[in-house]
């Protein structure tokens, strides 16, 4: 299974040219759009590096708090979110369930956002 935490089509709506085309866009709206875009860009870069080392990124919401403390040296913070570099073999059954649910929710939200 593909454990990518990055939506496939996040680059389709690149906000960097919005100010040129729409100079009167509200500042708060532009900031939120840009923040979301750069979050996924940073997550994509981190995921690429982690995959090259043979790990996957596991969101901290998918882990028990004791396991979070156990793997504190593998933490990657992007914005306010924490992710952990884990091998697939190291995941517990519950973590695999939560990760699959997280990825399917992300893809489900992506489908609704594009329609």
C-alpha atoms as a PDB file:
ATOM      1  CA  UNK A   1       0.000   0.000   0.000  1.00  0.00           C
ATOM      2  CA  UNK A   2       1.108   3.549  -0.682  1.00  0.00           C
ATOM      3  CA  UNK A   3       1.525   5.349   2.648  1.00  0.00           C
ATOM      4  CA  UNK A   4       1.893   8.838   1.176  1.00  0.00           C
ATOM      5  CA  UNK A   5       0.629  11.551   3.512  1.00  0.00           C
ATOM      6  CA  UNK A   6       0.709  14.177   0.755  1.00  0.00           C
ATOM      7  CA  UNK A   7      -2.395  14.719  -1.412  1.00  0.00           C
ATOM      8  CA  UNK A   8      -1.608  13.981  -5.051  1.00  0.00           C
ATOM      9  CA  UNK A   9      -2.984  17.186  -6.535  1.00  0.00           C
ATOM     10  CA  UNK A  10      -1.897  19.768  -3.976  1.00  0.00           C
ATOM     11  CA  UNK A  11       0.471  21.358  -6.526  1.00  0.00           C
ATOM     12  CA  UNK A  12      -2.375  22.049  -8.961  1.00  0.00           C
ATOM     13  CA  UNK A  13      -3.449  25.047  -6.894  1.00  0.00           C
ATOM     14  CA  UNK A  14      -0.109  26.783  -6.398  1.00  0.00           C
ATOM     15  CA  UNK A  15      -0.883  30.060  -4.547  1.00  0.00           C
ATOM     16  CA  UNK A  16       2.357  31.856  -5.406  1.00  0.00           C
ATOM     17  CA  UNK A  17       0.855  33.575  -8.462  1.00  0.00           C
ATOM     18  CA  UNK A  18      -2.404  34.578  -6.763  1.00  0.00           C
ATOM     19  CA  UNK A  19      -1.195  38.016  -5.674  1.00  0.00           C
ATOM     20  CA  UNK A  20      -0.194  38.877  -9.224  1.00  0.00           C
ATOM     21  CA  UNK A  21      -3.545  37.852 -10.707  1.00  0.00           C
ATOM     22  CA  UNK A  22      -5.718  38.969  -7.771  1.00  0.00           C
ATOM     23  CA  UNK A  23      -4.016  41.871  -5.965  1.00  0.00           C
ATOM     24  CA  UNK A  24      -7.116  42.565  -3.864  1.00  0.00           C
ATOM     25  CA  UNK A  25      -7.250  39.066  -2.301  1.00  0.00           C
ATOM     26  CA  UNK A  26      -7.795  39.279   1.476  1.00  0.00           C
ATOM     27  CA  UNK A  27      -4.554  38.887   3.396  1.00  0.00           C
ATOM     28  CA  UNK A  28      -5.889  36.264   5.801  1.00  0.00           C
ATOM     29  CA  UNK A  29      -7.263  34.098   2.989  1.00  0.00           C
ATOM     30  CA  UNK A  30      -3.983  34.295   1.072  1.00  0.00           C
ATOM     31  CA  UNK A  31      -2.004  33.452   4.225  1.00  0.00           C
ATOM     32  CA  UNK A  32      -4.130  30.357   4.936  1.00  0.00           C
ATOM     33  CA  UNK A  33      -3.886  29.088   1.358  1.00  0.00           C
ATOM     34  CA  UNK A  34      -0.132  29.667   1.284  1.00  0.00           C
ATOM     35  CA  UNK A  35       0.395  28.057   4.691  1.00  0.00           C
ATOM     36  CA  UNK A  36      -1.459  24.902   3.612  1.00  0.00           C
ATOM     37  CA  UNK A  37       0.501  24.729   0.342  1.00  0.00           C
ATOM     38  CA  UNK A  38       3.894  25.083   2.035  1.00  0.00           C
ATOM     39  CA  UNK A  39       2.936  22.556   4.738  1.00  0.00           C
ATOM     40  CA  UNK A  40       2.320  19.922   2.065  1.00  0.00           C
ATOM     41  CA  UNK A  41       5.473  20.974   0.204  1.00  0.00           C
ATOM     42  CA  UNK A  42       7.594  20.497   3.350  1.00  0.00           C
ATOM     43  CA  UNK A  43       5.824  17.219   4.096  1.00  0.00           C
ATOM     44  CA  UNK A  44       6.562  15.988   0.569  1.00  0.00           C
ATOM     45  CA  UNK A  45      10.268  16.802   0.935  1.00  0.00           C
ATOM     46  CA  UNK A  46      10.455  15.120   4.359  1.00  0.00           C
ATOM     47  CA  UNK A  47       8.632  12.072   3.050  1.00  0.00           C
ATOM     48  CA  UNK A  48      11.005  11.794   0.090  1.00  0.00           C
ATOM     49  CA  UNK A  49      14.072  11.908   2.352  1.00  0.00           C
ATOM     50  CA  UNK A  50      12.587   9.447   4.850  1.00  0.00           C
ATOM     51  CA  UNK A  51      11.623   7.005   2.084  1.00  0.00           C
ATOM     52  CA  UNK A  52      15.193   7.086   0.747  1.00  0.00           C
ATOM     53  CA  UNK A  53      16.404   5.998   4.182  1.00  0.00           C
ATOM     54  CA  UNK A  54      13.955   3.076   4.203  1.00  0.00           C
ATOM     55  CA  UNK A  55      11.373   4.502   6.606  1.00  0.00           C
ATOM     56  CA  UNK A  56       7.827   5.824   6.324  1.00  0.00           C
ATOM     57  CA  UNK A  57       6.360   8.882   8.018  1.00  0.00           C
ATOM     58  CA  UNK A  58       3.868   8.083  10.755  1.00  0.00           C
ATOM     59  CA  UNK A  59       1.769  10.944  12.174  1.00  0.00           C
ATOM     60  CA  UNK A  60       1.940  11.236  15.948  1.00  0.00           C
ATOM     61  CA  UNK A  61      -1.866  10.999  16.162  1.00  0.00           C
ATOM     62  CA  UNK A  62      -1.521   7.358  15.054  1.00  0.00           C
ATOM     63  CA  UNK A  63       0.771   6.461  17.962  1.00  0.00           C
ATOM     64  CA  UNK A  64       0.274   5.777  21.659  1.00  0.00           C
ATOM     65  CA  UNK A  65       1.849   8.393  23.915  1.00  0.00           C
ATOM     66  CA  UNK A  66       4.321   5.882  25.388  1.00  0.00           C
ATOM     67  CA  UNK A  67       5.563   4.921  21.910  1.00  0.00           C
ATOM     68  CA  UNK A  68       5.875   8.612  21.075  1.00  0.00           C
ATOM     69  CA  UNK A  69       8.265   9.001  24.017  1.00  0.00           C
ATOM     70  CA  UNK A  70      10.122   5.832  23.030  1.00  0.00           C
ATOM     71  CA  UNK A  71      10.836   7.096  19.502  1.00  0.00           C
ATOM     72  CA  UNK A  72      11.456  10.755  20.374  1.00  0.00           C
ATOM     73  CA  UNK A  73      14.794  10.707  18.530  1.00  0.00           C
ATOM     74  CA  UNK A  74      12.975   9.964  15.247  1.00  0.00           C
ATOM     75  CA  UNK A  75      10.582  12.905  15.450  1.00  0.00           C
ATOM     76  CA  UNK A  76      10.146  15.333  12.565  1.00  0.00           C
ATOM     77  CA  UNK A  77       8.163  18.498  13.237  1.00  0.00           C
ATOM     78  CA  UNK A  78       6.467  20.265  10.358  1.00  0.00           C
ATOM     79  CA  UNK A  79       4.515  23.267  11.524  1.00  0.00           C
ATOM     80  CA  UNK A  80       2.619  22.169  14.612  1.00  0.00           C
ATOM     81  CA  UNK A  81       2.418  18.529  13.554  1.00  0.00           C
ATOM     82  CA  UNK A  82       4.823  15.777  14.552  1.00  0.00           C
ATOM     83  CA  UNK A  83       5.710  12.797  12.409  1.00  0.00           C
ATOM     84  CA  UNK A  84       7.911   9.827  13.206  1.00  0.00           C
ATOM     85  CA  UNK A  85      10.318   7.882  11.009  1.00  0.00           C
ATOM     86  CA  UNK A  86       9.243   4.270  11.367  1.00  0.00           C
ATOM     87  CA  UNK A  87       9.886   1.040   9.516  1.00  0.00           C
ATOM     88  CA  UNK A  88       6.759  -0.837   8.466  1.00  0.00           C
ATOM     89  CA  UNK A  89       7.910  -3.854  10.486  1.00  0.00           C
ATOM     90  CA  UNK A  90       8.074  -1.713  13.662  1.00  0.00           C
ATOM     91  CA  UNK A  91       4.424  -0.672  13.502  1.00  0.00           C
ATOM     92  CA  UNK A  92       1.924  -2.305  15.817  1.00  0.00           C
ATOM     93  CA  UNK A  93      -1.382  -3.594  14.438  1.00  0.00           C
ATOM     94  CA  UNK A  94      -3.244  -0.628  15.928  1.00  0.00           C
ATOM     95  CA  UNK A  95      -0.783   1.830  14.373  1.00  0.00           C
ATOM     96  CA  UNK A  96      -1.238   0.182  10.981  1.00  0.00           C
ATOM     97  CA  UNK A  97      -5.012   0.471  11.369  1.00  0.00           C
ATOM     98  CA  UNK A  98      -4.788   4.124  12.359  1.00  0.00           C
ATOM     99  CA  UNK A  99      -2.356   4.894   9.532  1.00  0.00           C
ATOM    100  CA  UNK A 100      -4.614   3.245   6.945  1.00  0.00           C
ATOM    101  CA  UNK A 101      -7.569   5.197   8.336  1.00  0.00           C
ATOM    102  CA  UNK A 102      -5.548   8.444   8.282  1.00  0.00           C
ATOM    103  CA  UNK A 103      -4.450   7.924   4.664  1.00  0.00           C
ATOM    104  CA  UNK A 104      -7.944   6.950   3.486  1.00  0.00           C
ATOM    105  CA  UNK A 105      -9.400   9.997   5.275  1.00  0.00           C
ATOM    106  CA  UNK A 106      -6.816  12.191   3.595  1.00  0.00           C
ATOM    107  CA  UNK A 107      -7.654  10.757   0.185  1.00  0.00           C
ATOM    108  CA  UNK A 108     -11.384  10.988   0.896  1.00  0.00           C
ATOM    109  CA  UNK A 109     -11.045  14.642   1.832  1.00  0.00           C
ATOM    110  CA  UNK A 110      -9.006  15.200  -1.306  1.00  0.00           C
ATOM    111  CA  UNK A 111     -11.778  13.775  -3.489  1.00  0.00           C
ATOM    112  CA  UNK A 112     -14.383  16.056  -1.952  1.00  0.00           C
ATOM    113  CA  UNK A 113     -12.112  19.078  -2.235  1.00  0.00           C
ATOM    114  CA  UNK A 114     -11.575  18.602  -5.988  1.00  0.00           C
ATOM    115  CA  UNK A 115     -15.266  18.055  -6.893  1.00  0.00           C
END
